[in-house]
Amino acid sequence: MVAANVGYGDLSHKDRHVGYPFRTMNRGLYEVGFGVENLFDPVLHLYQKVLGGSTNYIQSIGFSLFYRMGPYSYLKQSSNLFFRISAGINI
């Protein structure tokens, strides 16, 4: 998987949001990354079919690496790298 994410947002009534400090994305947030999804799909399928195990809960697992760019990036380049673990589950 290859991804490019863009986010933009602003807050109209800042006076209504008291007690929780947060920043808006009014200058745009940009990141790019790559990853692998469904890493253990063959293993989970084999576990279910051959060994009779249950895969009712975990359906997929993936890993991604993203790099933040633009106005909200950090000065230290290594601080802009983000690692993500994803899991698909059945409930």
N, C-alpha and C. Protein backbone atom coordinates (compact mmCIF):
# COMPACT_ATOMS: atom_id res chain seq x y z
N MET A 1 0.83 -1.16 0.00
CA MET A 1 0.00 0.00 0.00
C MET A 1 0.89 1.24 0.00
N VAL A 2 0.54 2.22 -0.79
CA VAL A 2 1.19 3.52 -0.78
C VAL A 2 0.10 4.55 -0.48
N ALA A 3 0.40 5.49 0.41
CA ALA A 3 -0.63 6.45 0.82
C ALA A 3 -0.07 7.86 0.88
N ALA A 4 -0.92 8.82 0.55
CA ALA A 4 -0.63 10.24 0.73
C ALA A 4 -1.85 10.83 1.42
N ASN A 5 -1.67 11.36 2.61
CA ASN A 5 -2.78 11.89 3.41
C ASN A 5 -2.67 13.40 3.54
N VAL A 6 -3.81 14.07 3.43
CA VAL A 6 -3.88 15.52 3.59
C VAL A 6 -5.03 15.82 4.54
N GLY A 7 -4.78 16.70 5.48
CA GLY A 7 -5.83 17.10 6.41
C GLY A 7 -5.87 18.61 6.54
N TYR A 8 -7.08 19.16 6.65
CA TYR A 8 -7.25 20.59 6.83
C TYR A 8 -8.45 20.79 7.74
N GLY A 9 -8.35 21.73 8.66
CA GLY A 9 -9.48 22.01 9.53
C GLY A 9 -9.26 23.27 10.34
N ASP A 10 -10.33 23.89 10.72
CA ASP A 10 -10.27 25.10 11.52
C ASP A 10 -11.40 25.04 12.53
N LEU A 11 -11.40 25.94 13.47
CA LEU A 11 -12.38 25.96 14.55
C LEU A 11 -13.03 27.33 14.58
N SER A 12 -14.35 27.38 14.42
CA SER A 12 -15.05 28.65 14.34
C SER A 12 -15.23 29.34 15.69
N HIS A 13 -15.59 28.60 16.69
CA HIS A 13 -15.92 29.19 18.00
C HIS A 13 -14.97 28.66 19.06
N LYS A 14 -13.77 29.19 19.09
CA LYS A 14 -12.76 28.71 20.04
C LYS A 14 -13.16 28.98 21.49
N ASP A 15 -13.97 29.99 21.72
CA ASP A 15 -14.39 30.33 23.07
C ASP A 15 -15.33 29.28 23.67
N ARG A 16 -15.94 28.43 22.86
CA ARG A 16 -16.85 27.39 23.35
C ARG A 16 -16.11 26.12 23.79
N HIS A 17 -14.82 26.06 23.50
CA HIS A 17 -14.04 24.86 23.80
C HIS A 17 -13.01 25.21 24.86
N VAL A 18 -13.42 25.11 26.12
CA VAL A 18 -12.58 25.49 27.25
C VAL A 18 -12.17 24.23 28.01
N GLY A 19 -10.95 24.21 28.51
CA GLY A 19 -10.49 23.11 29.32
C GLY A 19 -9.75 22.02 28.58
N TYR A 20 -9.74 22.06 27.25
CA TYR A 20 -9.02 21.05 26.48
C TYR A 20 -8.20 21.76 25.40
N PRO A 21 -6.89 21.90 25.62
CA PRO A 21 -6.07 22.59 24.63
C PRO A 21 -5.80 21.70 23.41
N PHE A 22 -6.08 22.21 22.25
CA PHE A 22 -5.77 21.49 21.03
C PHE A 22 -5.49 22.48 19.91
N ARG A 23 -4.84 21.98 18.87
CA ARG A 23 -4.51 22.84 17.73
C ARG A 23 -5.36 22.44 16.52
N THR A 24 -5.62 23.39 15.67
CA THR A 24 -6.34 23.09 14.43
C THR A 24 -5.32 22.83 13.32
N MET A 25 -5.80 22.34 12.20
CA MET A 25 -4.94 22.09 11.04
C MET A 25 -5.20 23.15 9.97
N ASN A 26 -5.24 24.40 10.36
CA ASN A 26 -5.60 25.45 9.40
C ASN A 26 -4.50 25.75 8.38
N ARG A 27 -3.31 25.19 8.56
CA ARG A 27 -2.25 25.35 7.56
C ARG A 27 -2.07 24.09 6.73
N GLY A 28 -2.82 23.06 7.01
CA GLY A 28 -2.75 21.81 6.26
C GLY A 28 -1.74 20.85 6.85
N LEU A 29 -2.13 19.60 7.00
CA LEU A 29 -1.26 18.54 7.50
C LEU A 29 -1.04 17.56 6.35
N TYR A 30 0.22 17.24 6.07
CA TYR A 30 0.56 16.39 4.93
C TYR A 30 1.46 15.26 5.40
N GLU A 31 1.18 14.05 4.92
CA GLU A 31 2.05 12.92 5.21
C GLU A 31 1.97 11.91 4.08
N VAL A 32 3.07 11.20 3.88
CA VAL A 32 3.14 10.14 2.87
C VAL A 32 3.68 8.90 3.55
N GLY A 33 3.34 7.74 3.00
CA GLY A 33 3.83 6.52 3.61
C GLY A 33 3.57 5.30 2.77
N PHE A 34 4.05 4.19 3.28
CA PHE A 34 3.84 2.90 2.63
C PHE A 34 3.65 1.85 3.71
N GLY A 35 3.04 0.75 3.32
CA GLY A 35 2.80 -0.30 4.31
C GLY A 35 2.37 -1.59 3.68
N VAL A 36 2.20 -2.58 4.52
CA VAL A 36 1.75 -3.90 4.11
C VAL A 36 0.54 -4.26 4.97
N GLU A 37 -0.54 -4.63 4.31
CA GLU A 37 -1.76 -5.05 5.01
C GLU A 37 -1.96 -6.55 4.81
N ASN A 38 -2.79 -7.14 5.63
CA ASN A 38 -3.13 -8.57 5.55
C ASN A 38 -1.89 -9.45 5.61
N LEU A 39 -0.97 -9.13 6.51
CA LEU A 39 0.28 -9.87 6.60
C LEU A 39 0.09 -11.33 6.96
N PHE A 40 -0.77 -11.61 7.89
CA PHE A 40 -0.91 -12.97 8.39
C PHE A 40 -2.14 -13.67 7.84
N ASP A 41 -2.70 -13.19 6.76
CA ASP A 41 -3.90 -13.78 6.18
C ASP A 41 -3.69 -15.25 5.81
N PRO A 42 -2.62 -15.64 5.12
CA PRO A 42 -2.42 -17.06 4.82
C PRO A 42 -2.26 -17.92 6.08
N VAL A 43 -1.58 -17.39 7.08
CA VAL A 43 -1.39 -18.14 8.33
C VAL A 43 -2.72 -18.33 9.05
N LEU A 44 -3.52 -17.27 9.13
CA LEU A 44 -4.82 -17.37 9.78
C LEU A 44 -5.74 -18.32 9.04
N HIS A 45 -5.69 -18.28 7.71
CA HIS A 45 -6.52 -19.18 6.89
C HIS A 45 -6.10 -20.63 7.12
N LEU A 46 -4.80 -20.89 7.13
CA LEU A 46 -4.29 -22.25 7.38
C LEU A 46 -4.68 -22.72 8.77
N TYR A 47 -4.56 -21.85 9.75
CA TYR A 47 -4.91 -22.19 11.13
C TYR A 47 -6.38 -22.60 11.23
N GLN A 48 -7.22 -21.88 10.51
CA GLN A 48 -8.66 -22.15 10.58
C GLN A 48 -9.01 -23.43 9.83
N LYS A 49 -8.50 -23.60 8.63
CA LYS A 49 -8.91 -24.73 7.79
C LYS A 49 -8.25 -26.05 8.19
N VAL A 50 -6.95 -26.04 8.41
CA VAL A 50 -6.22 -27.28 8.66
C VAL A 50 -6.30 -27.70 10.12
N LEU A 51 -6.06 -26.77 11.01
CA LEU A 51 -5.99 -27.12 12.43
C LEU A 51 -7.32 -26.97 13.16
N GLY A 52 -8.33 -26.43 12.47
CA GLY A 52 -9.64 -26.27 13.08
C GLY A 52 -9.72 -25.14 14.09
N GLY A 53 -8.76 -24.21 14.05
CA GLY A 53 -8.76 -23.08 14.97
C GLY A 53 -9.79 -22.04 14.60
N SER A 54 -10.09 -21.20 15.52
CA SER A 54 -11.07 -20.14 15.30
C SER A 54 -10.36 -18.82 15.03
N THR A 55 -10.74 -18.18 13.93
CA THR A 55 -10.22 -16.84 13.63
C THR A 55 -11.38 -15.86 13.61
N ASN A 56 -12.30 -16.03 14.54
CA ASN A 56 -13.48 -15.18 14.57
C ASN A 56 -13.17 -13.75 14.97
N TYR A 57 -12.05 -13.52 15.63
CA TYR A 57 -11.77 -12.19 16.13
C TYR A 57 -10.77 -11.43 15.26
N ILE A 58 -9.57 -11.95 15.08
CA ILE A 58 -8.56 -11.25 14.27
C ILE A 58 -8.70 -11.68 12.82
N GLN A 59 -8.90 -10.70 11.93
CA GLN A 59 -9.04 -10.99 10.51
C GLN A 59 -7.80 -10.61 9.72
N SER A 60 -7.09 -9.56 10.13
CA SER A 60 -5.90 -9.13 9.40
C SER A 60 -5.02 -8.27 10.31
N ILE A 61 -3.74 -8.24 9.97
CA ILE A 61 -2.78 -7.40 10.69
C ILE A 61 -1.90 -6.72 9.64
N GLY A 62 -1.56 -5.46 9.88
CA GLY A 62 -0.72 -4.72 8.93
C GLY A 62 0.20 -3.75 9.64
N PHE A 63 1.22 -3.32 8.91
CA PHE A 63 2.21 -2.37 9.41
C PHE A 63 2.42 -1.28 8.37
N SER A 64 2.58 -0.04 8.81
CA SER A 64 2.81 1.09 7.90
C SER A 64 3.84 2.03 8.49
N LEU A 65 4.50 2.77 7.64
CA LEU A 65 5.47 3.79 8.04
C LEU A 65 5.11 5.08 7.31
N PHE A 66 4.91 6.17 8.06
CA PHE A 66 4.52 7.45 7.48
C PHE A 66 5.55 8.53 7.81
N TYR A 67 5.63 9.53 6.93
CA TYR A 67 6.53 10.66 7.13
C TYR A 67 5.71 11.95 7.02
N ARG A 68 5.77 12.78 8.06
CA ARG A 68 5.03 14.05 8.09
C ARG A 68 5.82 15.14 7.38
N MET A 69 5.13 15.92 6.56
CA MET A 69 5.75 17.03 5.81
C MET A 69 4.93 18.30 6.01
N GLY A 70 5.47 19.42 5.58
CA GLY A 70 4.71 20.66 5.58
C GLY A 70 4.87 21.48 6.83
N PRO A 71 3.90 22.39 7.06
CA PRO A 71 4.01 23.35 8.16
C PRO A 71 4.00 22.74 9.55
N TYR A 72 3.47 21.55 9.72
CA TYR A 72 3.43 20.93 11.04
C TYR A 72 4.51 19.88 11.23
N SER A 73 5.48 19.83 10.35
CA SER A 73 6.57 18.88 10.52
C SER A 73 7.53 19.38 11.60
N TYR A 74 8.26 18.45 12.19
CA TYR A 74 9.21 18.78 13.24
C TYR A 74 10.56 19.12 12.64
N LEU A 75 11.38 19.88 13.38
CA LEU A 75 12.70 20.24 12.88
C LEU A 75 13.61 19.03 12.76
N LYS A 76 13.54 18.14 13.73
CA LYS A 76 14.34 16.92 13.68
C LYS A 76 13.64 15.92 12.75
N GLN A 77 14.31 15.55 11.66
CA GLN A 77 13.67 14.73 10.62
C GLN A 77 13.20 13.38 11.14
N SER A 78 13.94 12.78 12.05
CA SER A 78 13.54 11.47 12.56
C SER A 78 12.24 11.56 13.38
N SER A 79 11.91 12.73 13.89
CA SER A 79 10.67 12.90 14.65
C SER A 79 9.45 12.91 13.74
N ASN A 80 9.65 13.05 12.44
CA ASN A 80 8.55 13.07 11.48
C ASN A 80 8.14 11.68 11.02
N LEU A 81 8.87 10.64 11.42
CA LEU A 81 8.53 9.27 11.06
C LEU A 81 7.54 8.69 12.07
N PHE A 82 6.49 8.07 11.57
CA PHE A 82 5.48 7.47 12.42
C PHE A 82 5.23 6.04 11.98
N PHE A 83 5.20 5.13 12.93
CA PHE A 83 4.96 3.72 12.67
C PHE A 83 3.54 3.39 13.11
N ARG A 84 2.81 2.67 12.25
CA ARG A 84 1.42 2.34 12.57
C ARG A 84 1.22 0.83 12.46
N ILE A 85 0.53 0.27 13.43
CA ILE A 85 0.12 -1.12 13.40
C ILE A 85 -1.41 -1.13 13.28
N SER A 86 -1.93 -1.90 12.34
CA SER A 86 -3.39 -1.96 12.17
C SER A 86 -3.86 -3.40 12.31
N ALA A 87 -5.07 -3.55 12.77
CA ALA A 87 -5.67 -4.88 12.91
C ALA A 87 -7.13 -4.80 12.51
N GLY A 88 -7.54 -5.78 11.73
CA GLY A 88 -8.94 -5.92 11.38
C GLY A 88 -9.56 -6.97 12.28
N ILE A 89 -10.65 -6.64 12.93
CA ILE A 89 -11.26 -7.57 13.87
C ILE A 89 -12.75 -7.76 13.56
N ASN A 90 -13.25 -8.88 13.95
CA ASN A 90 -14.69 -9.17 13.92
C ASN A 90 -15.24 -9.05 15.32
N ILE A 91 -16.35 -8.37 15.46
CA ILE A 91 -16.98 -8.30 16.78
C ILE A 91 -18.42 -8.78 16.70
